[in-house]
N, C-alpha and C. Protein backbone atom coordinates (compact mmCIF):
# COMPACT_ATOMS: atom_id res chain seq x y z
N UNK A 1 0.82 -1.20 0.00
CA UNK A 1 0.00 0.00 0.00
C UNK A 1 0.86 1.25 0.00
N UNK A 2 2.02 1.19 0.70
CA UNK A 2 2.91 2.35 0.77
C UNK A 2 3.52 2.66 -0.60
N UNK A 3 4.00 1.64 -1.30
CA UNK A 3 4.59 1.83 -2.63
C UNK A 3 3.52 2.35 -3.60
N UNK A 4 2.34 1.80 -3.53
CA UNK A 4 1.25 2.25 -4.39
C UNK A 4 0.89 3.70 -4.10
N UNK A 5 0.91 4.08 -2.83
CA UNK A 5 0.62 5.46 -2.46
C UNK A 5 1.71 6.40 -2.98
N UNK A 6 2.96 6.00 -2.88
CA UNK A 6 4.05 6.83 -3.42
C UNK A 6 3.85 7.03 -4.92
N UNK A 7 3.54 5.96 -5.63
CA UNK A 7 3.34 6.05 -7.07
C UNK A 7 2.14 6.94 -7.39
N UNK A 8 1.06 6.77 -6.67
CA UNK A 8 -0.16 7.54 -6.91
C UNK A 8 0.07 9.03 -6.66
N UNK A 9 0.63 9.38 -5.51
CA UNK A 9 0.79 10.79 -5.16
C UNK A 9 1.90 11.43 -5.99
N UNK A 10 2.93 10.70 -6.34
CA UNK A 10 3.99 11.24 -7.22
C UNK A 10 3.43 11.54 -8.60
N UNK A 11 2.57 10.67 -9.10
CA UNK A 11 1.96 10.89 -10.41
C UNK A 11 1.07 12.13 -10.39
N UNK A 12 0.32 12.32 -9.31
CA UNK A 12 -0.50 13.52 -9.19
C UNK A 12 0.36 14.78 -9.13
N UNK A 13 1.47 14.69 -8.41
CA UNK A 13 2.40 15.82 -8.32
C UNK A 13 3.03 16.12 -9.69
N UNK A 14 3.33 15.07 -10.46
CA UNK A 14 3.89 15.27 -11.80
C UNK A 14 2.90 16.02 -12.69
N UNK A 15 1.64 15.65 -12.65
CA UNK A 15 0.63 16.35 -13.46
C UNK A 15 0.55 17.81 -13.04
N UNK A 16 0.54 18.08 -11.74
CA UNK A 16 0.48 19.45 -11.23
C UNK A 16 1.70 20.25 -11.68
N UNK A 17 2.90 19.68 -11.51
CA UNK A 17 4.13 20.38 -11.87
C UNK A 17 4.21 20.63 -13.38
N UNK A 18 3.80 19.67 -14.18
CA UNK A 18 3.82 19.86 -15.63
C UNK A 18 2.86 20.97 -16.04
N UNK A 19 1.69 21.01 -15.42
CA UNK A 19 0.74 22.08 -15.70
C UNK A 19 1.26 23.44 -15.28
N UNK A 20 1.88 23.52 -14.10
CA UNK A 20 2.46 24.78 -13.65
C UNK A 20 3.61 25.22 -14.55
N UNK A 21 4.43 24.26 -14.99
CA UNK A 21 5.53 24.58 -15.91
C UNK A 21 4.98 25.14 -17.22
N UNK A 22 3.91 24.53 -17.74
CA UNK A 22 3.31 25.03 -18.97
C UNK A 22 2.81 26.46 -18.79
N UNK A 23 2.18 26.74 -17.66
CA UNK A 23 1.70 28.09 -17.40
C UNK A 23 2.85 29.09 -17.29
N UNK A 24 3.94 28.70 -16.63
CA UNK A 24 5.09 29.59 -16.52
C UNK A 24 5.66 29.91 -17.89
N UNK A 25 5.82 28.89 -18.73
CA UNK A 25 6.36 29.10 -20.07
C UNK A 25 5.42 30.00 -20.87
N UNK A 26 4.13 29.78 -20.74
CA UNK A 26 3.16 30.60 -21.47
C UNK A 26 3.22 32.06 -21.03
N UNK A 27 3.18 32.30 -19.72
CA UNK A 27 3.12 33.67 -19.22
C UNK A 27 4.44 34.42 -19.34
N UNK A 28 5.57 33.72 -19.45
CA UNK A 28 6.85 34.40 -19.67
C UNK A 28 7.18 34.52 -21.15
N UNK A 29 6.30 34.00 -22.02
CA UNK A 29 6.54 34.08 -23.46
C UNK A 29 7.65 33.15 -23.91
N UNK A 30 7.83 32.06 -23.20
CA UNK A 30 8.90 31.12 -23.52
C UNK A 30 8.70 30.35 -24.81
N UNK A 31 7.58 30.52 -25.46
CA UNK A 31 7.31 29.83 -26.71
C UNK A 31 7.59 30.72 -27.92
N UNK A 32 8.05 31.95 -27.66
CA UNK A 32 8.34 32.91 -28.74
C UNK A 32 9.81 32.83 -29.15
N UNK A 33 10.17 33.60 -30.13
CA UNK A 33 11.57 33.75 -30.57
C UNK A 33 12.23 32.41 -30.92
N UNK A 34 11.63 31.69 -31.82
CA UNK A 34 12.24 30.45 -32.30
C UNK A 34 12.07 29.26 -31.38
N UNK A 35 11.21 29.37 -30.40
CA UNK A 35 11.02 28.26 -29.46
C UNK A 35 9.67 27.58 -29.64
N UNK A 36 9.00 27.84 -30.74
CA UNK A 36 7.66 27.29 -30.98
C UNK A 36 7.67 25.77 -31.06
N UNK A 37 8.70 25.21 -31.70
CA UNK A 37 8.79 23.74 -31.80
C UNK A 37 8.88 23.12 -30.40
N UNK A 38 9.68 23.74 -29.53
CA UNK A 38 9.80 23.19 -28.18
C UNK A 38 8.50 23.34 -27.40
N UNK A 39 7.72 24.38 -27.69
CA UNK A 39 6.39 24.54 -27.07
C UNK A 39 5.49 23.38 -27.49
N UNK A 40 5.52 23.03 -28.78
CA UNK A 40 4.71 21.93 -29.29
C UNK A 40 5.17 20.61 -28.66
N UNK A 41 6.48 20.42 -28.55
CA UNK A 41 7.01 19.21 -27.90
C UNK A 41 6.54 19.16 -26.45
N UNK A 42 6.56 20.30 -25.77
CA UNK A 42 6.08 20.37 -24.39
C UNK A 42 4.61 20.03 -24.27
N UNK A 43 3.81 20.49 -25.23
CA UNK A 43 2.38 20.15 -25.21
C UNK A 43 2.17 18.66 -25.43
N UNK A 44 2.97 18.07 -26.32
CA UNK A 44 2.89 16.61 -26.53
C UNK A 44 3.28 15.88 -25.24
N UNK A 45 4.32 16.37 -24.56
CA UNK A 45 4.71 15.76 -23.29
C UNK A 45 3.61 15.90 -22.24
N UNK A 46 2.96 17.07 -22.20
CA UNK A 46 1.85 17.26 -21.25
C UNK A 46 0.70 16.30 -21.56
N UNK A 47 0.39 16.13 -22.83
CA UNK A 47 -0.67 15.19 -23.22
C UNK A 47 -0.26 13.75 -22.88
N UNK A 48 1.01 13.43 -23.04
CA UNK A 48 1.50 12.09 -22.70
C UNK A 48 1.43 11.86 -21.19
N UNK A 49 1.75 12.88 -20.42
CA UNK A 49 1.64 12.77 -18.96
C UNK A 49 0.17 12.57 -18.57
N UNK A 50 -0.73 13.30 -19.21
CA UNK A 50 -2.16 13.14 -18.92
C UNK A 50 -2.62 11.74 -19.31
N UNK A 51 -2.16 11.24 -20.45
CA UNK A 51 -2.53 9.87 -20.87
C UNK A 51 -1.97 8.84 -19.90
N UNK A 52 -0.76 9.05 -19.45
CA UNK A 52 -0.16 8.13 -18.49
C UNK A 52 -0.92 8.16 -17.16
N UNK A 53 -1.34 9.35 -16.77
CA UNK A 53 -2.13 9.48 -15.55
C UNK A 53 -3.47 8.76 -15.70
N UNK A 54 -4.10 8.91 -16.86
CA UNK A 54 -5.38 8.25 -17.08
C UNK A 54 -5.23 6.73 -17.11
N UNK A 55 -4.22 6.22 -17.81
CA UNK A 55 -4.04 4.76 -17.87
C UNK A 55 -3.71 4.21 -16.50
N UNK A 56 -2.93 4.96 -15.71
CA UNK A 56 -2.62 4.51 -14.35
C UNK A 56 -3.84 4.53 -13.46
N UNK A 57 -4.74 5.46 -13.71
CA UNK A 57 -5.99 5.58 -12.96
C UNK A 57 -6.85 4.33 -13.16
N UNK A 58 -6.71 3.71 -14.35
CA UNK A 58 -7.53 2.55 -14.68
C UNK A 58 -6.96 1.23 -14.17
N UNK A 59 -5.66 1.19 -13.91
CA UNK A 59 -5.02 -0.09 -13.60
C UNK A 59 -5.46 -0.75 -12.29
N UNK A 60 -5.90 -0.03 -11.27
CA UNK A 60 -6.41 -0.75 -10.09
C UNK A 60 -7.65 -1.59 -10.40
N UNK A 61 -8.30 -1.30 -11.52
CA UNK A 61 -9.46 -2.03 -12.01
C UNK A 61 -10.54 -2.13 -10.94
N UNK A 62 -10.75 -0.99 -10.29
CA UNK A 62 -11.86 -0.93 -9.34
C UNK A 62 -13.10 -0.45 -10.09
N UNK A 63 -14.19 -0.29 -9.37
CA UNK A 63 -15.46 0.07 -9.99
C UNK A 63 -15.37 1.41 -10.72
N UNK A 64 -14.70 2.38 -10.11
CA UNK A 64 -14.54 3.70 -10.72
C UNK A 64 -13.75 3.61 -12.02
N UNK A 65 -12.69 2.80 -12.05
CA UNK A 65 -11.88 2.63 -13.25
C UNK A 65 -12.68 1.95 -14.36
N UNK A 66 -13.47 0.96 -14.00
CA UNK A 66 -14.28 0.26 -14.99
C UNK A 66 -15.22 1.23 -15.71
N UNK A 67 -15.88 2.08 -14.94
CA UNK A 67 -16.83 3.01 -15.56
C UNK A 67 -16.11 4.12 -16.31
N UNK A 68 -14.91 4.48 -15.89
CA UNK A 68 -14.12 5.46 -16.64
C UNK A 68 -13.74 4.90 -18.01
N UNK A 69 -13.35 3.63 -18.06
CA UNK A 69 -13.05 2.99 -19.34
C UNK A 69 -14.30 2.93 -20.21
N UNK A 70 -15.42 2.61 -19.60
CA UNK A 70 -16.67 2.54 -20.35
C UNK A 70 -16.98 3.89 -20.99
N UNK A 71 -16.82 4.96 -20.24
CA UNK A 71 -17.13 6.30 -20.76
C UNK A 71 -16.14 6.70 -21.86
N UNK A 72 -14.84 6.50 -21.61
CA UNK A 72 -13.83 6.92 -22.59
C UNK A 72 -13.95 6.13 -23.89
N UNK A 73 -14.12 4.84 -23.79
CA UNK A 73 -14.25 4.06 -25.03
C UNK A 73 -15.56 4.36 -25.74
N UNK A 74 -16.60 4.68 -24.96
CA UNK A 74 -17.86 5.09 -25.57
C UNK A 74 -17.71 6.42 -26.31
N UNK A 75 -16.96 7.36 -25.72
CA UNK A 75 -16.71 8.63 -26.39
C UNK A 75 -15.87 8.44 -27.64
N UNK A 76 -14.89 7.54 -27.58
CA UNK A 76 -14.03 7.30 -28.74
C UNK A 76 -14.83 6.76 -29.92
N UNK A 77 -15.90 6.05 -29.63
CA UNK A 77 -16.72 5.49 -30.71
C UNK A 77 -17.40 6.58 -31.54
N UNK A 78 -17.49 7.79 -31.01
CA UNK A 78 -18.13 8.88 -31.74
C UNK A 78 -17.17 9.66 -32.65
N UNK A 79 -15.89 9.29 -32.65
CA UNK A 79 -14.94 9.96 -33.55
C UNK A 79 -15.35 9.65 -34.99
N UNK A 80 -15.44 10.67 -35.83
CA UNK A 80 -15.87 10.42 -37.21
C UNK A 80 -14.95 9.43 -37.92
N UNK A 81 -15.50 8.58 -38.73
CA UNK A 81 -14.85 7.57 -39.58
C UNK A 81 -14.17 6.47 -38.79
N UNK A 82 -13.22 6.82 -37.90
CA UNK A 82 -12.42 5.80 -37.22
C UNK A 82 -12.96 5.43 -35.85
N UNK A 83 -14.08 5.99 -35.43
CA UNK A 83 -14.60 5.79 -34.08
C UNK A 83 -14.76 4.36 -33.64
N UNK A 84 -15.51 3.53 -34.36
CA UNK A 84 -15.68 2.15 -33.90
C UNK A 84 -14.37 1.37 -33.82
N UNK A 85 -13.48 1.59 -34.77
CA UNK A 85 -12.18 0.91 -34.74
C UNK A 85 -11.36 1.40 -33.56
N UNK A 86 -11.36 2.71 -33.31
CA UNK A 86 -10.62 3.28 -32.19
C UNK A 86 -11.15 2.76 -30.86
N UNK A 87 -12.47 2.69 -30.74
CA UNK A 87 -13.07 2.18 -29.50
C UNK A 87 -12.70 0.71 -29.27
N UNK A 88 -12.75 -0.09 -30.33
CA UNK A 88 -12.37 -1.51 -30.20
C UNK A 88 -10.89 -1.64 -29.86
N UNK A 89 -10.05 -0.77 -30.41
CA UNK A 89 -8.62 -0.80 -30.10
C UNK A 89 -8.38 -0.45 -28.63
N UNK A 90 -9.08 0.57 -28.14
CA UNK A 90 -8.93 0.97 -26.74
C UNK A 90 -9.49 -0.08 -25.78
N UNK A 91 -10.52 -0.80 -26.21
CA UNK A 91 -11.08 -1.86 -25.36
C UNK A 91 -10.27 -3.15 -25.43
N UNK A 92 -9.48 -3.31 -26.48
CA UNK A 92 -8.77 -4.57 -26.69
C UNK A 92 -9.70 -5.63 -27.23
N UNK A 93 -10.78 -5.21 -27.86
CA UNK A 93 -11.79 -6.12 -28.40
C UNK A 93 -13.14 -5.42 -28.43
N UNK A 94 -14.18 -6.21 -28.55
CA UNK A 94 -15.52 -5.62 -28.63
C UNK A 94 -16.09 -5.27 -27.27
N UNK A 95 -15.65 -5.95 -26.22
CA UNK A 95 -16.18 -5.71 -24.88
C UNK A 95 -15.05 -5.34 -23.92
N UNK A 96 -15.43 -4.69 -22.84
CA UNK A 96 -14.46 -4.35 -21.80
C UNK A 96 -14.22 -5.60 -20.97
N UNK A 97 -12.94 -5.93 -20.79
CA UNK A 97 -12.59 -7.12 -20.04
C UNK A 97 -11.09 -7.21 -19.81
N UNK A 98 -10.56 -8.41 -19.64
CA UNK A 98 -9.13 -8.58 -19.37
C UNK A 98 -8.22 -8.01 -20.47
N UNK A 99 -8.66 -8.09 -21.72
CA UNK A 99 -7.85 -7.53 -22.81
C UNK A 99 -7.74 -6.01 -22.68
N UNK A 100 -8.79 -5.38 -22.18
CA UNK A 100 -8.77 -3.93 -21.96
C UNK A 100 -7.71 -3.58 -20.92
N UNK A 101 -7.69 -4.33 -19.85
CA UNK A 101 -6.71 -4.11 -18.80
C UNK A 101 -5.30 -4.31 -19.33
N UNK A 102 -5.09 -5.33 -20.15
CA UNK A 102 -3.78 -5.57 -20.76
C UNK A 102 -3.34 -4.44 -21.68
N UNK A 103 -4.30 -3.89 -22.43
CA UNK A 103 -4.01 -2.77 -23.33
C UNK A 103 -3.54 -1.56 -22.53
N UNK A 104 -4.26 -1.21 -21.48
CA UNK A 104 -3.89 -0.04 -20.69
C UNK A 104 -2.62 -0.28 -19.89
N UNK A 105 -2.38 -1.51 -19.48
CA UNK A 105 -1.13 -1.83 -18.78
C UNK A 105 0.06 -1.65 -19.72
N UNK A 106 -0.06 -2.12 -20.95
CA UNK A 106 1.03 -1.95 -21.92
C UNK A 106 1.27 -0.48 -22.22
N UNK A 107 0.19 0.28 -22.39
CA UNK A 107 0.34 1.72 -22.62
C UNK A 107 1.03 2.39 -21.44
N UNK A 108 0.61 2.05 -20.23
CA UNK A 108 1.11 2.72 -19.03
C UNK A 108 2.56 2.36 -18.71
N UNK A 109 2.94 1.13 -18.96
CA UNK A 109 4.27 0.68 -18.52
C UNK A 109 5.31 0.64 -19.64
N UNK A 110 4.90 0.70 -20.92
CA UNK A 110 5.86 0.59 -22.01
C UNK A 110 5.81 1.76 -22.96
N UNK A 111 4.67 1.98 -23.60
CA UNK A 111 4.60 2.95 -24.69
C UNK A 111 4.67 4.40 -24.21
N UNK A 112 3.89 4.75 -23.23
CA UNK A 112 3.90 6.14 -22.75
C UNK A 112 5.21 6.51 -22.07
N UNK A 113 5.82 5.64 -21.24
CA UNK A 113 7.14 5.99 -20.70
C UNK A 113 8.21 6.16 -21.79
N UNK A 114 8.14 5.36 -22.85
CA UNK A 114 9.10 5.52 -23.95
C UNK A 114 8.93 6.88 -24.62
N UNK A 115 7.69 7.29 -24.85
CA UNK A 115 7.44 8.61 -25.44
C UNK A 115 7.92 9.71 -24.51
N UNK A 116 7.67 9.57 -23.21
CA UNK A 116 8.12 10.56 -22.24
C UNK A 116 9.65 10.64 -22.19
N UNK A 117 10.32 9.52 -22.20
CA UNK A 117 11.78 9.49 -22.12
C UNK A 117 12.40 10.17 -23.34
N UNK A 118 11.98 9.77 -24.53
CA UNK A 118 12.52 10.35 -25.76
C UNK A 118 12.11 11.81 -25.89
N UNK A 119 10.84 12.10 -25.63
CA UNK A 119 10.34 13.47 -25.75
C UNK A 119 11.00 14.42 -24.77
N UNK A 120 11.20 13.99 -23.53
CA UNK A 120 11.85 14.86 -22.53
C UNK A 120 13.31 15.11 -22.91
N UNK A 121 13.99 14.09 -23.41
CA UNK A 121 15.37 14.29 -23.86
C UNK A 121 15.45 15.32 -24.99
N UNK A 122 14.54 15.20 -25.94
CA UNK A 122 14.50 16.15 -27.06
C UNK A 122 14.14 17.55 -26.55
N UNK A 123 13.19 17.61 -25.61
CA UNK A 123 12.76 18.89 -25.03
C UNK A 123 13.93 19.59 -24.32
N UNK A 124 14.68 18.86 -23.50
CA UNK A 124 15.82 19.44 -22.79
C UNK A 124 16.90 19.88 -23.77
N UNK A 125 17.13 19.07 -24.81
CA UNK A 125 18.13 19.42 -25.82
C UNK A 125 17.73 20.72 -26.53
N UNK A 126 16.45 20.86 -26.85
CA UNK A 126 15.98 22.08 -27.52
C UNK A 126 16.13 23.31 -26.61
N UNK A 127 15.91 23.13 -25.29
CA UNK A 127 16.11 24.25 -24.36
C UNK A 127 17.58 24.66 -24.36
N UNK A 128 18.48 23.69 -24.31
CA UNK A 128 19.92 24.00 -24.32
C UNK A 128 20.32 24.65 -25.65
N UNK A 129 19.78 24.15 -26.74
CA UNK A 129 20.11 24.69 -28.06
C UNK A 129 19.64 26.14 -28.19
N UNK A 130 18.53 26.49 -27.55
CA UNK A 130 17.98 27.84 -27.61
C UNK A 130 18.68 28.80 -26.65
N UNK A 131 19.64 28.31 -25.89
CA UNK A 131 20.38 29.18 -24.97
C UNK A 131 19.88 29.16 -23.55
N UNK A 132 19.14 28.17 -23.17
CA UNK A 132 18.64 28.06 -21.80
C UNK A 132 17.21 28.54 -21.68
N UNK A 133 16.77 28.67 -20.45
CA UNK A 133 15.39 29.08 -20.20
C UNK A 133 15.24 30.56 -20.49
N UNK A 134 14.01 30.99 -20.72
CA UNK A 134 13.72 32.39 -21.00
C UNK A 134 13.89 33.18 -19.70
N UNK A 135 14.58 34.32 -19.83
CA UNK A 135 14.85 35.17 -18.67
C UNK A 135 13.77 36.24 -18.60
N UNK A 136 13.21 36.50 -17.41
CA UNK A 136 12.19 37.54 -17.28
C UNK A 136 12.75 38.91 -17.69
N UNK A 137 11.89 39.82 -18.15
CA UNK A 137 12.36 41.13 -18.61
C UNK A 137 13.01 41.96 -17.50
N UNK A 138 12.65 41.73 -16.26
CA UNK A 138 13.21 42.50 -15.15
C UNK A 138 14.36 41.77 -14.46
N UNK A 139 15.07 40.89 -15.19
CA UNK A 139 16.16 40.12 -14.60
C UNK A 139 17.34 41.03 -14.28
N UNK A 140 18.12 40.62 -13.30
CA UNK A 140 19.27 41.41 -12.86
C UNK A 140 20.37 41.39 -13.92
N UNK A 141 21.08 42.51 -14.00
CA UNK A 141 22.20 42.64 -14.93
C UNK A 141 23.51 42.68 -14.14
N UNK A 142 24.58 42.14 -14.73
CA UNK A 142 25.88 42.20 -14.07
C UNK A 142 26.53 43.55 -14.34
N UNK A 143 27.81 43.73 -13.90
CA UNK A 143 28.48 45.03 -14.04
C UNK A 143 28.76 45.41 -15.50
N UNK A 144 28.75 44.43 -16.42
CA UNK A 144 28.96 44.70 -17.84
C UNK A 144 27.65 44.96 -18.59
N UNK A 145 26.53 44.92 -17.90
CA UNK A 145 25.23 45.16 -18.53
C UNK A 145 24.63 43.92 -19.16
N UNK A 146 25.26 42.76 -18.96
CA UNK A 146 24.73 41.50 -19.49
C UNK A 146 23.85 40.84 -18.45
N UNK A 147 22.96 39.95 -18.92
CA UNK A 147 22.09 39.24 -17.99
C UNK A 147 22.92 38.41 -17.02
N UNK A 148 22.55 38.48 -15.76
CA UNK A 148 23.23 37.69 -14.75
C UNK A 148 22.78 36.24 -14.88
N UNK A 149 23.70 35.35 -15.03
CA UNK A 149 23.36 33.94 -15.23
C UNK A 149 23.84 33.12 -14.04
N UNK A 150 23.14 32.02 -13.82
CA UNK A 150 23.55 31.07 -12.79
C UNK A 150 24.14 29.87 -13.52
N UNK A 151 25.36 29.51 -13.16
CA UNK A 151 26.02 28.36 -13.79
C UNK A 151 25.33 27.06 -13.37
N UNK A 152 25.25 26.13 -14.34
CA UNK A 152 24.64 24.84 -14.03
C UNK A 152 25.46 24.10 -12.99
N UNK A 153 26.77 24.05 -13.22
CA UNK A 153 27.66 23.39 -12.26
C UNK A 153 28.39 24.44 -11.47
N UNK A 154 28.35 24.47 -10.21
CA UNK A 154 27.64 23.60 -9.29
C UNK A 154 26.32 24.19 -8.78
N UNK A 155 26.10 25.52 -9.00
CA UNK A 155 24.98 26.19 -8.34
C UNK A 155 23.62 25.59 -8.67
N UNK A 156 23.27 25.54 -9.95
CA UNK A 156 21.94 25.06 -10.34
C UNK A 156 21.77 23.58 -10.00
N UNK A 157 22.82 22.80 -10.18
CA UNK A 157 22.75 21.37 -9.85
C UNK A 157 22.41 21.18 -8.38
N UNK A 158 23.06 21.93 -7.49
CA UNK A 158 22.78 21.79 -6.06
C UNK A 158 21.37 22.23 -5.71
N UNK A 159 20.90 23.29 -6.38
CA UNK A 159 19.51 23.73 -6.15
C UNK A 159 18.52 22.66 -6.58
N UNK A 160 18.76 22.06 -7.74
CA UNK A 160 17.88 21.00 -8.24
C UNK A 160 17.89 19.80 -7.30
N UNK A 161 19.05 19.42 -6.82
CA UNK A 161 19.16 18.28 -5.90
C UNK A 161 18.42 18.59 -4.61
N UNK A 162 18.56 19.80 -4.07
CA UNK A 162 17.89 20.17 -2.82
C UNK A 162 16.38 20.14 -2.99
N UNK A 163 15.87 20.72 -4.06
CA UNK A 163 14.42 20.72 -4.29
C UNK A 163 13.92 19.30 -4.49
N UNK A 164 14.67 18.49 -5.22
CA UNK A 164 14.27 17.09 -5.46
C UNK A 164 14.20 16.31 -4.15
N UNK A 165 15.17 16.49 -3.28
CA UNK A 165 15.16 15.77 -2.00
C UNK A 165 14.02 16.23 -1.11
N UNK A 166 13.72 17.52 -1.12
CA UNK A 166 12.61 18.04 -0.32
C UNK A 166 11.29 17.46 -0.83
N UNK A 167 11.10 17.47 -2.17
CA UNK A 167 9.87 16.90 -2.74
C UNK A 167 9.77 15.40 -2.46
N UNK A 168 10.88 14.69 -2.57
CA UNK A 168 10.89 13.25 -2.29
C UNK A 168 10.50 12.98 -0.84
N UNK A 169 11.05 13.76 0.08
CA UNK A 169 10.70 13.59 1.50
C UNK A 169 9.23 13.91 1.74
N UNK A 170 8.73 14.97 1.11
CA UNK A 170 7.33 15.36 1.29
C UNK A 170 6.39 14.29 0.75
N UNK A 171 6.68 13.77 -0.44
CA UNK A 171 5.81 12.73 -1.03
C UNK A 171 5.88 11.45 -0.20
N UNK A 172 7.06 11.10 0.27
CA UNK A 172 7.21 9.90 1.09
C UNK A 172 6.42 10.03 2.40
N UNK A 173 6.54 11.17 3.05
CA UNK A 173 5.80 11.39 4.29
C UNK A 173 4.29 11.40 4.04
N UNK A 174 3.87 12.11 3.00
CA UNK A 174 2.45 12.16 2.67
C UNK A 174 1.91 10.77 2.36
N UNK A 175 2.71 9.97 1.62
CA UNK A 175 2.29 8.61 1.26
C UNK A 175 2.20 7.69 2.47
N UNK A 176 3.04 7.95 3.46
CA UNK A 176 2.98 7.15 4.68
C UNK A 176 1.72 7.48 5.49
N UNK A 177 1.25 8.72 5.36
CA UNK A 177 0.10 9.15 6.15
C UNK A 177 -1.23 8.99 5.41
N UNK A 178 -1.22 9.12 4.09
CA UNK A 178 -2.46 9.08 3.30
C UNK A 178 -2.36 8.00 2.24
N UNK A 179 -3.20 7.00 2.35
CA UNK A 179 -3.19 5.92 1.36
C UNK A 179 -3.82 6.37 0.05
N UNK A 180 -3.39 5.73 -1.03
CA UNK A 180 -4.01 5.99 -2.33
C UNK A 180 -5.40 5.39 -2.32
N UNK A 181 -6.37 6.09 -2.91
CA UNK A 181 -7.74 5.56 -2.89
C UNK A 181 -7.88 4.29 -3.72
N UNK A 182 -8.67 3.39 -3.23
CA UNK A 182 -8.95 2.14 -3.93
C UNK A 182 -10.37 1.72 -3.60
N UNK A 183 -11.20 1.65 -4.62
CA UNK A 183 -12.59 1.29 -4.43
C UNK A 183 -12.82 -0.21 -4.52
N UNK A 184 -14.08 -0.62 -4.53
CA UNK A 184 -14.39 -2.05 -4.68
C UNK A 184 -13.99 -2.54 -6.08
N UNK A 185 -13.65 -3.82 -6.22
CA UNK A 185 -13.23 -4.36 -7.51
C UNK A 185 -14.31 -4.17 -8.58
N UNK A 186 -13.83 -4.06 -9.83
CA UNK A 186 -14.76 -3.90 -10.96
C UNK A 186 -15.72 -5.07 -11.00
N UNK A 187 -16.98 -4.77 -11.27
CA UNK A 187 -18.01 -5.79 -11.29
C UNK A 187 -18.59 -5.84 -12.70
């Protein structure tokens, strides 16, 4: 239950952080000046995170997950031209059952993590290629009138490690105190 709670709450935190990151990039104009491709890659990553969250939501195969699959596959059937085929593909057949669970398990544990791994690598590379993150207009200037920068090694690396350890401790403590929800088995 503890490991499942860590996975559940970490996944929720990932969705929150990805959404906040998207808002920061949007409001600072980080998608302008030749960074539009990286914005699109970021949106694909956000959609992949949402898909991973949804597939993980279904894997406990409780009553709530069963009806969520029923609704999503029912909605997919309304897609013009490809709807019935798409719904059958998402169900793993004509009816919701063990094949459906296998389909979502494969998506959650293999396909979506592969897209996230490759997409995040490409996203980080594009940020480095563009010269780093976008600096706010009111950023501090050094004595030469250039933007004051923080070096990755060692300053930024230590900040990232500190924040990561604090978040890890917080999620671990929260997971020890609050179990991940689990309803009655799918009927």
